[in-house]
Every structure is written in C-alpha cells, then in structure tokens.
Amino acid sequence: MGKPIVAIVGRPNVGKSTLFNKIVGQRLSIVEDTPGVTRDRIFGDVEWCGKKFSVVDTGGIEPASKDIILSQMREQAQLAIGAADAIVLVTDVRSGVTATDADIAAMLLKSGVPVVLCVNKCDQVGDPPAEFYEFYNLGLGDPMMVSSVHGYGTGDLLDRICELIEFPEEEEEEGEIIKVAVIGKPNVGKSSLVNKVAGENRCIVSDIAGTTRDAVDTTIENTFGTFTFIDTAGLRRKSKVEDAIEHYSNLRAEMAVERADVCLILIDGEVGFTEQDSKVAGIAHEAGKGCIILVNKWDAVEKDDKTMQEMRTQLEKDFSFMSYAPILFISAKTGQRLDRMFELIHLVASSNAMRVTTGMLNDILAQATARVQPPTDKGKRLKIYYMTQASTKPPTFICFVNDKELFHFSYQRYLENRIRDTFGLEGTPVRMIVRERKDKE
C-alpha cells in the first residue's frame, strides 16, 4: 500500500499553493497573486509526528467555466479528489463564503472523502474575526483558522489531517526510483508523453504554448522498473520570457534538470532542429545529466525509407557537442517505441552512475598510451602517471600528468573514447580533470 494522499482544493487565488509549500517545507508550487497560476496536480511528501503522506496541490476550481484550460484544471482537481484519502478545502476569510465555495463544498460532500475546511488568510493571532463564523454555513464541520503565509494554524491543520487518515501498518521499502526530466521548447509534446506513459491525463495538454507552468512529478511503475517523470514548462529564450510566472516556470524547469538522473530532450519531428533545442540540451549537458534525444510526433511526419537515417545524421551534426546522447524517434500520441525509451533510460541512468576501479582504469590507460603515443612539444613528452575516478553522476576522472600544457584536448578526447568503448558509457557526459604531479592539492 502506498502513502495516503491529501488533496488541497478550492477556488482560484485563495492561497492553496502557499499552503502547499508551507506544509511540504519547500517551494514546489509557483506562487503569484494571479488567479489560475497552478494548473496541473503538484505532489509533495510530508512527514508529521512520524506519519508520512503525500499532499497534492491543484488548480483553482471554477465549476461553471467553459474555458478550455479552466475546464481541464477542474478535471485535474476532480482526479485529485477521486484519488485522495482526505481533502483540505481552502477558503479566503477576506472574501467570505462565495457561490463557488458553496458549489465546491457540495461536490466534496458527495465524494464521501473526509474534508477539512481551512479558512486561510487569518493573519492576526487571537480570536477569529467575525467573518470566520460564516464558514459554518458550508456544512463541513468546524472550520480551521490558518495563515499559510505566516504558518499560523498549520500544525493544528496537520493534526486534524492525521486524525482523518488511516495509515498503513508497515511501509514497503521503495526500490531505486529513476528520476526522469522531460525538457524541451514549448509545444513539443512533453505533457502528452508523460500522460501516455502514466496511462492517464496526468498533465493538462493543449495546443496553447506555455500550458504547463510547474514541474509536475508523476511516479510510474511498469515492467521496466519505477520512474518519476518530471514534466516541465517549455524553455524559451530569456528575451522571450514575458512575465513573472513564465520566469518562475523556467526556473522550475532548470531545477527539475538538477534533481533528475536522466533528461529526455524532446524535439518536434515536424519542425526539426532549432537553435532553442541546442540551448535546452546544453542545460542538461552542463548539469552532467544522462541525456536521450527524443524526436516526437514521428507518426505525423511524411517519410520514406531514408527519412529517419537522414534526420539522424543531421541531428548528430546539430548535437555534435553531446555526441554521446542516443537518438530515438517516438510518438507520444501512439506510444511508438516507448518500450525502447524505457530500456534506454535504464541504460543511461546506470552509465551516469557507473564507478570504475582505479586498477581497471590504469589498464585501459596503459593500452591506450601504447596504441597512440602521448603528444610531445619541443622535445618534451606528456607523461600520464595514473588515472582515478573522483565521482559519479557524471563519471569524473582525474589524470595526474607531468605537464598540463602538453595534455591537448584531442588526446583527452581519445582517452575518453577508449573509456567509453570499454565500459559502454552511453548517454552520459564524461568529465576529465587534469592535475600536474607537482600540484600540492
């Protein structure tokens, strides 16, 4: 049995994301004083008094709206309610009980899930304001005074949540989970891919660029193992970022790359390579993450028997700075080659975390230097005394030499290729640190 789930719901702009961030203890959801910032379901883990559960932040519910994005936000919130063991309905003491609050309360009463009524923005310590008592009219029992900005009342709220949830007797030990960030420029099909592998509408999908804002985590278990897919906002050039929300979305996407083991770099197969694709890939490459280049929408491309090979050859030139990354042609819509994608994720994650013994490294070094002599300059020859691995993720090797200046980039690349050929380090960058023997550090 997995962790119990608590859904935070309410109409737009009542402070759900602020409360979510306060409870989780980190800024996972974007907070901005604009209705409708949160769109997808954002998950976070909480431990309170030795009890562990997951909290889900949802987009604001507008029961009567016909807007495409708002109706999908409502659908996401309803999915969260359907999967929840307890629900926190967040309201705003400043605006009092609204018709939308009453509609949402009626919907929650029908769900049969235990509900905690949270009256937010009670920022003054002491007796409740007169408006507080109006919330008894929603028929959800005793309301709780909370200030999500200052944290007042959040401890009592968590106590109430823990009373309502039945916790499993024993927790199952989690196997190793591979974190996979899905990155790319806007509208290449990142959310569609996450929905396809999850088997449900986990993220809102729309032709409108910029639909996804937060980095949305989705844990998937299948025959290939356990994976956490992180759907991110489309990354655009900084000059094109128009508002604060998009700026935070970009930051979230870059943070998602930092915590991932493998990055899936999505490219639109109909459009082909663009300069922005190389910038997005550069973020993952610089962070030292395992990388796979996925050409999406391949089902929609008009092709013959040469199209794939021609595009692969062109992409190898375009991504020459990360020649280690495998290229796969997929369709998030039809599920084409997604099994192969999971196999590659496993392979790349293990390559990125691989550790090689110093003895084996120096055997390869001896063979490599015997085959191709180290370079010389003005009668002085490069001597490589020994090599050792300093760290993983990415594999980082230290070479101790007699003179750094003699260790040309081309010879470093030759040694790197020998290591790759021997250990099959596919999909991961390799770092080389060169130190002179006379260095004291």
Protein backbone atom coordinates (compact mmCIF):
# COMPACT_ATOMS: atom_id res chain seq x y z
CA MET A 1 0.00 0.00 0.00
CA GLY A 2 1.37 3.45 -0.95
CA LYS A 3 1.35 6.63 1.12
CA PRO A 4 -2.07 8.20 1.89
CA ILE A 5 -2.90 11.19 -0.33
CA VAL A 6 -4.28 14.54 0.83
CA ALA A 7 -5.69 16.87 -1.86
CA ILE A 8 -5.71 20.65 -1.41
CA VAL A 9 -8.63 22.14 -3.35
CA GLY A 10 -10.56 25.40 -3.61
CA ARG A 11 -11.43 28.22 -5.97
CA PRO A 12 -8.65 30.30 -7.59
CA ASN A 13 -6.44 32.64 -5.56
CA VAL A 14 -7.33 31.53 -2.02
CA GLY A 15 -3.73 30.55 -1.21
CA LYS A 16 -3.68 26.80 -1.97
CA SER A 17 -0.13 26.81 -3.38
CA THR A 18 1.19 28.94 -0.48
CA LEU A 19 -0.34 26.47 2.00
CA PHE A 20 1.02 23.52 -0.01
CA ASN A 21 4.57 24.99 0.01
CA LYS A 22 4.32 25.71 3.77
CA ILE A 23 3.21 22.13 4.58
CA VAL A 24 5.76 20.48 2.26
CA GLY A 25 8.54 22.76 3.52
CA GLN A 26 9.84 23.77 0.09
CA ARG A 27 8.74 25.99 -2.80
CA LEU A 28 7.44 23.35 -5.22
CA SER A 29 4.41 25.29 -6.48
CA ILE A 30 4.68 28.67 -8.19
CA VAL A 31 3.01 31.36 -6.06
CA GLU A 32 1.86 34.58 -7.76
CA ASP A 33 -1.02 36.94 -6.91
CA THR A 34 -2.86 36.00 -10.11
CA PRO A 35 -5.77 33.52 -10.34
CA GLY A 36 -5.05 30.29 -12.26
CA VAL A 37 -1.26 30.07 -11.83
CA THR A 38 -1.34 26.40 -10.75
CA ARG A 39 -2.81 24.16 -13.46
CA ASP A 40 -1.61 20.58 -13.04
CA ARG A 41 -1.54 18.44 -9.89
CA ILE A 42 1.70 19.05 -7.96
CA PHE A 43 2.75 16.31 -5.49
CA GLY A 44 4.86 16.73 -2.34
CA ASP A 45 5.79 14.45 0.58
CA VAL A 46 5.07 15.34 4.22
CA GLU A 47 6.15 13.76 7.50
CA TRP A 48 4.23 14.90 10.60
CA CYS A 49 4.62 13.30 14.06
CA GLY A 50 6.25 10.23 12.49
CA LYS A 51 3.44 9.78 9.93
CA LYS A 52 4.14 10.10 6.22
CA PHE A 53 1.69 11.11 3.49
CA SER A 54 1.60 12.85 0.10
CA VAL A 55 -0.03 16.23 -0.48
CA VAL A 56 -1.43 17.30 -3.87
CA ASP A 57 -1.77 20.94 -4.89
CA THR A 58 -4.47 21.51 -7.53
CA GLY A 59 -5.55 24.32 -9.81
CA GLY A 60 -8.44 26.57 -8.76
CA ILE A 61 -11.86 25.04 -9.44
CA GLU A 62 -14.30 27.14 -11.50
CA PRO A 63 -17.39 24.88 -11.66
CA ALA A 64 -19.22 26.86 -14.34
CA SER A 65 -16.33 27.89 -16.63
CA LYS A 66 -16.31 26.81 -20.30
CA ASP A 67 -12.68 27.93 -20.88
CA ILE A 68 -10.52 25.03 -22.24
CA ILE A 69 -7.68 25.43 -19.72
CA LEU A 70 -10.02 26.13 -16.76
CA SER A 71 -12.19 23.10 -17.57
CA GLN A 72 -9.08 20.88 -17.73
CA MET A 73 -7.88 22.38 -14.40
CA ARG A 74 -11.26 21.40 -12.94
CA GLU A 75 -10.81 17.88 -14.34
CA GLN A 76 -7.32 17.65 -12.75
CA ALA A 77 -8.76 18.74 -9.38
CA GLN A 78 -11.54 16.13 -9.67
CA LEU A 79 -8.94 13.42 -10.40
CA ALA A 80 -7.06 14.50 -7.24
CA ILE A 81 -10.31 14.35 -5.20
CA GLY A 82 -11.08 10.88 -6.58
CA ALA A 83 -7.66 9.53 -5.52
CA ALA A 84 -7.50 11.29 -2.11
CA ASP A 85 -7.78 9.79 1.38
CA ALA A 86 -8.59 13.25 2.80
CA ILE A 87 -9.31 16.69 1.32
CA VAL A 88 -8.44 20.18 2.53
CA LEU A 89 -10.88 22.79 1.18
CA VAL A 90 -9.14 26.18 1.28
CA THR A 91 -11.30 29.33 1.52
CA ASP A 92 -10.46 33.02 1.98
CA VAL A 93 -11.66 34.85 5.14
CA ARG A 94 -11.30 38.23 3.39
CA SER A 95 -13.83 37.50 0.65
CA GLY A 96 -16.13 35.35 2.84
CA VAL A 97 -18.23 32.45 1.55
CA THR A 98 -18.79 32.74 -2.21
CA ALA A 99 -21.15 30.83 -4.51
CA THR A 100 -18.13 28.94 -5.88
CA ASP A 101 -17.11 27.87 -2.34
CA ALA A 102 -20.65 26.55 -1.77
CA ASP A 103 -20.60 24.62 -5.09
CA ILE A 104 -17.21 23.05 -4.28
CA ALA A 105 -18.35 22.13 -0.73
CA ALA A 106 -21.47 20.43 -2.16
CA MET A 107 -19.26 18.49 -4.62
CA LEU A 108 -16.94 17.37 -1.79
CA LEU A 109 -19.83 16.24 0.43
CA LYS A 110 -20.99 13.94 -2.40
CA SER A 111 -17.47 12.47 -2.76
CA GLY A 112 -17.67 10.74 0.64
CA VAL A 113 -14.00 11.59 1.38
CA PRO A 114 -13.22 13.23 4.79
CA VAL A 115 -12.90 17.01 4.38
CA VAL A 116 -11.06 19.61 6.50
CA LEU A 117 -12.38 23.14 5.99
CA CYS A 118 -9.44 25.58 6.09
CA VAL A 119 -10.17 29.31 6.35
CA ASN A 120 -6.99 30.93 5.03
CA LYS A 121 -5.54 34.46 5.37
CA CYS A 122 -6.41 34.71 9.11
CA ASP A 123 -3.17 36.64 9.59
CA GLN A 124 -3.98 38.10 13.05
CA VAL A 125 -3.21 35.97 16.12
CA GLY A 126 -6.03 35.71 18.68
CA ASP A 127 -9.80 35.34 18.42
CA PRO A 128 -11.26 34.63 14.95
CA PRO A 129 -12.64 37.63 13.02
CA ALA A 130 -16.44 37.92 12.80
CA GLU A 131 -16.38 36.77 9.14
CA PHE A 132 -14.88 33.41 10.22
CA TYR A 133 -18.19 32.10 11.62
CA GLU A 134 -19.90 32.50 8.23
CA PHE A 135 -17.97 29.39 7.02
CA TYR A 136 -20.06 27.08 9.23
CA ASN A 137 -22.76 27.57 6.55
CA LEU A 138 -20.80 25.28 4.18
CA GLY A 139 -21.83 22.26 6.29
CA LEU A 140 -18.31 20.80 6.55
CA GLY A 141 -17.98 20.90 10.34
CA ASP A 142 -15.68 23.16 12.36
CA PRO A 143 -13.56 25.44 10.14
CA MET A 144 -9.85 25.83 10.97
CA MET A 145 -8.12 29.25 11.11
CA VAL A 146 -4.90 29.22 9.08
CA SER A 147 -2.42 31.77 7.77
CA SER A 148 -0.46 29.99 5.05
CA VAL A 149 1.89 32.98 4.64
CA HIS A 150 2.92 33.08 8.33
CA GLY A 151 2.30 29.40 9.11
CA TYR A 152 -0.26 30.06 11.89
CA GLY A 153 -2.56 27.09 12.42
CA THR A 154 -0.74 24.74 10.01
CA GLY A 155 0.31 22.43 12.89
CA ASP A 156 -3.32 22.08 14.05
CA LEU A 157 -4.35 21.51 10.43
CA LEU A 158 -1.82 18.66 10.04
CA ASP A 159 -3.01 17.14 13.36
CA ARG A 160 -6.61 17.15 12.04
CA ILE A 161 -5.49 15.58 8.73
CA CYS A 162 -3.63 12.79 10.58
CA GLU A 163 -6.78 12.05 12.64
CA LEU A 164 -8.82 11.56 9.46
CA ILE A 165 -6.37 9.28 7.60
CA GLU A 166 -5.92 5.56 8.11
CA PHE A 167 -2.18 4.92 7.85
CA PRO A 168 -0.84 1.53 6.68
CA GLU A 169 0.68 -0.71 9.38
CA GLU A 170 4.00 -1.23 7.63
CA GLU A 171 5.60 0.77 4.90
CA GLU A 172 7.00 -1.07 1.93
CA GLU A 173 10.61 -0.38 1.14
CA GLU A 174 10.92 1.59 -2.03
CA GLY A 175 13.22 0.27 -4.74
CA GLU A 176 15.51 2.59 -6.61
CA ILE A 177 13.49 5.22 -8.45
CA ILE A 178 15.00 6.77 -11.59
CA LYS A 179 14.10 10.48 -11.88
CA VAL A 180 13.46 11.50 -15.49
CA ALA A 181 13.08 15.18 -16.51
CA VAL A 182 11.17 15.77 -19.76
CA ILE A 183 12.54 19.01 -21.24
CA GLY A 184 12.21 20.91 -24.49
CA LYS A 185 10.94 24.11 -26.01
CA PRO A 186 7.18 24.88 -25.77
CA ASN A 187 4.66 22.67 -27.60
CA VAL A 188 6.87 19.68 -28.48
CA GLY A 189 4.61 17.21 -26.62
CA LYS A 190 6.20 16.92 -23.15
CA SER A 191 2.89 16.67 -21.26
CA SER A 192 1.47 14.27 -23.89
CA LEU A 193 4.46 11.96 -23.35
CA VAL A 194 4.00 11.97 -19.54
CA ASN A 195 0.27 11.28 -19.92
CA LYS A 196 0.97 8.39 -22.32
CA VAL A 197 3.48 6.64 -20.03
CA ALA A 198 1.26 7.31 -16.98
CA GLY A 199 -1.81 5.89 -18.72
CA GLU A 200 -3.97 8.83 -17.53
CA ASN A 201 -4.42 12.57 -18.12
CA ARG A 202 -1.80 13.46 -15.54
CA CYS A 203 -0.90 16.83 -17.12
CA ILE A 204 -3.04 19.35 -18.97
CA VAL A 205 -2.43 19.15 -22.72
CA SER A 206 -3.29 21.98 -25.09
CA ASP A 207 -2.02 23.49 -28.37
CA ILE A 208 -1.50 26.74 -26.46
CA ALA A 209 2.24 27.17 -25.80
CA GLY A 210 3.01 27.67 -22.10
CA THR A 211 0.17 25.50 -20.75
CA THR A 212 2.46 23.72 -18.27
CA ARG A 213 3.93 26.02 -15.62
CA ASP A 214 5.13 23.98 -12.64
CA ALA A 215 7.46 20.97 -12.78
CA VAL A 216 4.95 18.12 -12.32
CA ASP A 217 6.12 14.79 -10.83
CA THR A 218 4.48 11.53 -11.90
CA THR A 219 5.66 8.20 -10.47
CA ILE A 220 5.21 5.25 -12.85
CA GLU A 221 5.74 1.56 -12.11
CA ASN A 222 5.94 -0.89 -15.00
CA THR A 223 7.87 -3.97 -16.13
CA PHE A 224 10.97 -1.78 -16.66
CA GLY A 225 11.06 -0.54 -13.02
CA THR A 226 9.95 2.55 -11.09
CA PHE A 227 10.38 6.01 -12.59
CA THR A 228 9.46 9.54 -11.54
CA PHE A 229 8.73 11.56 -14.69
CA ILE A 230 9.05 15.34 -14.23
CA ASP A 231 7.01 17.27 -16.80
CA THR A 232 8.46 20.78 -17.15
CA ALA A 233 7.46 24.08 -18.71
CA GLY A 234 8.75 24.72 -22.23
CA LEU A 235 12.06 26.60 -22.10
CA ARG A 236 12.22 29.76 -24.20
CA ARG A 237 14.99 32.30 -24.75
CA LYS A 238 15.24 34.74 -21.82
CA SER A 239 14.45 37.67 -24.16
CA LYS A 240 11.10 35.99 -24.99
CA VAL A 241 10.06 35.45 -21.34
CA GLU A 242 7.30 37.99 -20.83
CA ASP A 243 6.00 37.69 -17.27
CA ALA A 244 6.97 36.65 -13.75
CA ILE A 245 5.00 33.38 -13.95
CA GLU A 246 6.93 32.26 -17.05
CA HIS A 247 10.21 33.31 -15.38
CA TYR A 248 9.39 31.05 -12.39
CA SER A 249 8.33 28.27 -14.79
CA ASN A 250 11.76 28.41 -16.43
CA LEU A 251 13.46 28.32 -13.03
CA ARG A 252 11.35 25.27 -12.07
CA ALA A 253 12.34 23.52 -15.30
CA GLU A 254 16.03 24.18 -14.64
CA MET A 255 15.63 22.93 -11.03
CA ALA A 256 13.93 19.79 -12.40
CA VAL A 257 17.04 19.11 -14.52
CA GLU A 258 19.20 19.45 -11.37
CA ARG A 259 17.28 16.76 -9.47
CA ALA A 260 16.89 14.35 -12.42
CA ASP A 261 19.07 11.33 -13.21
CA VAL A 262 18.14 11.29 -16.91
CA CYS A 263 16.90 14.12 -19.16
CA LEU A 264 14.67 13.38 -22.15
CA ILE A 265 15.27 16.19 -24.66
CA LEU A 266 12.14 16.40 -26.82
CA ILE A 267 12.28 17.75 -30.38
CA ASP A 268 9.31 18.32 -32.67
CA GLY A 269 9.74 15.86 -35.59
CA GLU A 270 7.58 18.03 -37.87
CA VAL A 271 9.67 21.17 -37.25
CA GLY A 272 13.12 19.58 -36.90
CA PHE A 273 16.12 21.01 -35.07
CA THR A 274 16.10 24.65 -33.92
CA GLU A 275 18.69 26.74 -32.08
CA GLN A 276 16.50 26.65 -28.95
CA ASP A 277 16.74 22.82 -28.91
CA SER A 278 20.53 23.04 -28.57
CA LYS A 279 20.15 25.61 -25.74
CA VAL A 280 17.75 23.28 -23.85
CA ALA A 281 20.09 20.31 -24.42
CA GLY A 282 23.01 22.46 -23.23
CA ILE A 283 21.33 22.92 -19.81
CA ALA A 284 21.23 19.12 -19.30
CA HIS A 285 24.76 18.66 -20.71
CA GLU A 286 26.25 21.34 -18.42
CA ALA A 287 24.48 19.79 -15.41
CA GLY A 288 26.20 16.47 -16.22
CA LYS A 289 22.96 14.51 -16.60
CA GLY A 290 22.34 11.40 -18.66
CA CYS A 291 20.64 12.53 -21.90
CA ILE A 292 18.41 10.95 -24.54
CA ILE A 293 17.27 12.92 -27.61
CA LEU A 294 13.66 12.04 -28.49
CA VAL A 295 12.23 13.11 -31.84
CA ASN A 296 8.49 13.30 -31.07
CA LYS A 297 5.44 13.39 -33.42
CA TRP A 298 7.19 10.90 -35.74
CA ASP A 299 3.76 9.46 -36.66
CA ALA A 300 2.82 12.82 -38.25
CA VAL A 301 5.97 13.14 -40.39
CA GLU A 302 5.73 12.26 -44.09
CA LYS A 303 8.60 9.84 -44.65
CA ASP A 304 10.17 7.20 -46.83
CA ASP A 305 12.80 4.55 -46.06
CA LYS A 306 15.61 7.17 -45.97
CA THR A 307 13.95 9.93 -43.88
CA MET A 308 14.91 8.56 -40.44
CA GLN A 309 18.58 7.98 -41.30
CA GLU A 310 18.88 11.40 -42.97
CA MET A 311 17.39 13.13 -39.94
CA ARG A 312 19.57 11.09 -37.55
CA THR A 313 22.72 12.11 -39.47
CA GLN A 314 21.66 15.77 -39.40
CA LEU A 315 20.86 15.65 -35.65
CA GLU A 316 24.25 14.07 -34.92
CA LYS A 317 25.81 17.16 -36.55
CA ASP A 318 23.45 19.57 -34.75
CA PHE A 319 24.16 17.95 -31.36
CA SER A 320 27.87 17.38 -32.00
CA PHE A 321 28.66 18.80 -28.53
CA MET A 322 26.84 15.82 -26.97
CA SER A 323 27.64 13.01 -29.40
CA TYR A 324 27.20 10.50 -26.54
CA ALA A 325 23.39 11.01 -26.43
CA PRO A 326 21.34 8.29 -28.21
CA ILE A 327 18.63 9.48 -30.62
CA LEU A 328 15.20 7.81 -30.66
CA PHE A 329 12.19 8.54 -32.92
CA ILE A 330 8.92 8.26 -30.95
CA SER A 331 5.27 9.25 -30.92
CA ALA A 332 3.73 10.29 -27.60
CA LYS A 333 0.34 10.09 -29.29
CA THR A 334 0.53 6.45 -30.48
CA GLY A 335 3.11 5.15 -27.99
CA GLN A 336 5.55 4.20 -30.79
CA ARG A 337 8.96 2.98 -29.41
CA LEU A 338 8.17 3.91 -25.78
CA ASP A 339 9.34 0.44 -24.65
CA ARG A 340 12.72 1.16 -26.25
CA MET A 341 12.70 4.56 -24.48
CA PHE A 342 12.40 2.85 -21.06
CA GLU A 343 15.27 0.47 -21.93
CA LEU A 344 17.43 3.47 -22.87
CA ILE A 345 16.52 5.32 -19.65
CA HIS A 346 17.76 2.32 -17.62
CA LEU A 347 20.96 2.08 -19.67
CA VAL A 348 21.71 5.82 -19.48
CA ALA A 349 20.96 6.04 -15.73
CA SER A 350 23.36 3.15 -14.99
CA SER A 351 26.04 4.71 -17.25
CA ASN A 352 25.70 8.05 -15.46
CA ALA A 353 26.15 6.35 -12.06
CA MET A 354 28.90 3.91 -13.12
CA ARG A 355 32.05 3.58 -10.99
CA VAL A 356 35.26 2.09 -12.43
CA THR A 357 38.09 0.77 -10.25
CA THR A 358 41.46 2.52 -10.41
CA GLY A 359 43.14 -0.75 -11.45
CA MET A 360 40.88 -1.22 -14.48
CA LEU A 361 41.24 2.45 -15.46
CA ASN A 362 45.03 2.23 -15.46
CA ASP A 363 44.98 -0.99 -17.52
CA ILE A 364 42.97 0.92 -20.17
CA LEU A 365 45.36 3.88 -19.84
CA ALA A 366 48.39 1.62 -20.46
CA GLN A 367 46.75 0.07 -23.55
CA ALA A 368 45.66 3.47 -24.90
CA THR A 369 49.10 5.11 -24.49
CA ALA A 370 50.80 2.07 -26.08
CA ARG A 371 48.49 2.30 -29.09
CA VAL A 372 48.74 6.10 -29.55
CA GLN A 373 51.78 7.79 -28.02
CA PRO A 374 51.08 10.86 -25.83
CA PRO A 375 51.88 14.17 -27.59
CA THR A 376 55.24 15.94 -27.42
CA ASP A 377 56.20 19.61 -27.65
CA LYS A 378 59.78 20.94 -28.12
CA GLY A 379 61.23 17.56 -27.19
CA LYS A 380 59.17 17.20 -24.02
CA ARG A 381 56.70 14.30 -23.94
CA LEU A 382 53.46 14.15 -21.92
CA LYS A 383 53.58 11.55 -19.17
CA ILE A 384 50.31 10.33 -17.63
CA TYR A 385 51.25 8.80 -14.28
CA TYR A 386 47.87 7.38 -13.38
CA MET A 387 44.13 7.96 -13.57
CA THR A 388 41.40 7.56 -10.94
CA GLN A 389 37.64 8.16 -10.79
CA ALA A 390 36.69 11.05 -8.49
CA SER A 391 32.89 10.85 -8.63
CA THR A 392 29.80 9.64 -10.48
CA LYS A 393 26.76 11.44 -11.98
CA PRO A 394 28.52 12.19 -14.30
CA PRO A 395 31.59 9.89 -14.26
CA THR A 396 34.50 12.21 -13.45
CA PHE A 397 38.13 11.09 -13.88
CA ILE A 398 41.33 12.73 -12.59
CA CYS A 399 44.52 12.35 -14.66
CA PHE A 400 47.87 13.04 -12.95
CA VAL A 401 50.40 14.25 -15.54
CA ASN A 402 53.84 15.85 -15.71
CA ASP A 403 52.67 18.94 -17.66
CA LYS A 404 49.08 20.17 -18.16
CA GLU A 405 50.02 22.19 -21.24
CA LEU A 406 51.01 19.02 -23.12
CA PHE A 407 47.69 17.28 -22.43
CA HIS A 408 45.90 18.51 -25.57
CA PHE A 409 42.12 18.40 -25.89
CA SER A 410 42.38 15.91 -28.77
CA TYR A 411 44.30 13.41 -26.60
CA GLN A 412 41.81 13.86 -23.74
CA ARG A 413 39.01 13.05 -26.17
CA TYR A 414 40.93 9.98 -27.39
CA LEU A 415 41.23 8.67 -23.80
CA GLU A 416 37.57 9.47 -23.12
CA ASN A 417 36.53 7.46 -26.20
CA ARG A 418 38.68 4.50 -25.07
CA ILE A 419 36.94 4.56 -21.66
CA ARG A 420 33.52 4.82 -23.34
CA ASP A 421 34.26 1.93 -25.72
CA THR A 422 35.41 -0.30 -22.84
CA PHE A 423 32.61 0.40 -20.35
CA GLY A 424 29.81 1.39 -22.75
CA LEU A 425 29.13 4.78 -21.14
CA GLU A 426 26.17 5.56 -23.42
CA GLY A 427 24.10 8.68 -22.88
CA THR A 428 26.26 10.28 -20.18
CA PRO A 429 28.82 13.09 -20.36
CA VAL A 430 32.30 12.26 -19.03
CA ARG A 431 34.39 14.86 -17.18
CA MET A 432 38.20 14.89 -17.22
CA ILE A 433 40.18 16.80 -14.57
CA VAL A 434 43.91 17.20 -15.27
CA ARG A 435 46.38 17.70 -12.42
CA GLU A 436 50.12 18.10 -12.51
CA ARG A 437 52.07 15.77 -10.21
CA LYS A 438 53.82 18.73 -8.64
CA ASP A 439 50.44 20.21 -7.57
CA LYS A 440 50.26 20.12 -3.79
CA GLU A 441 46.46 19.91 -3.53
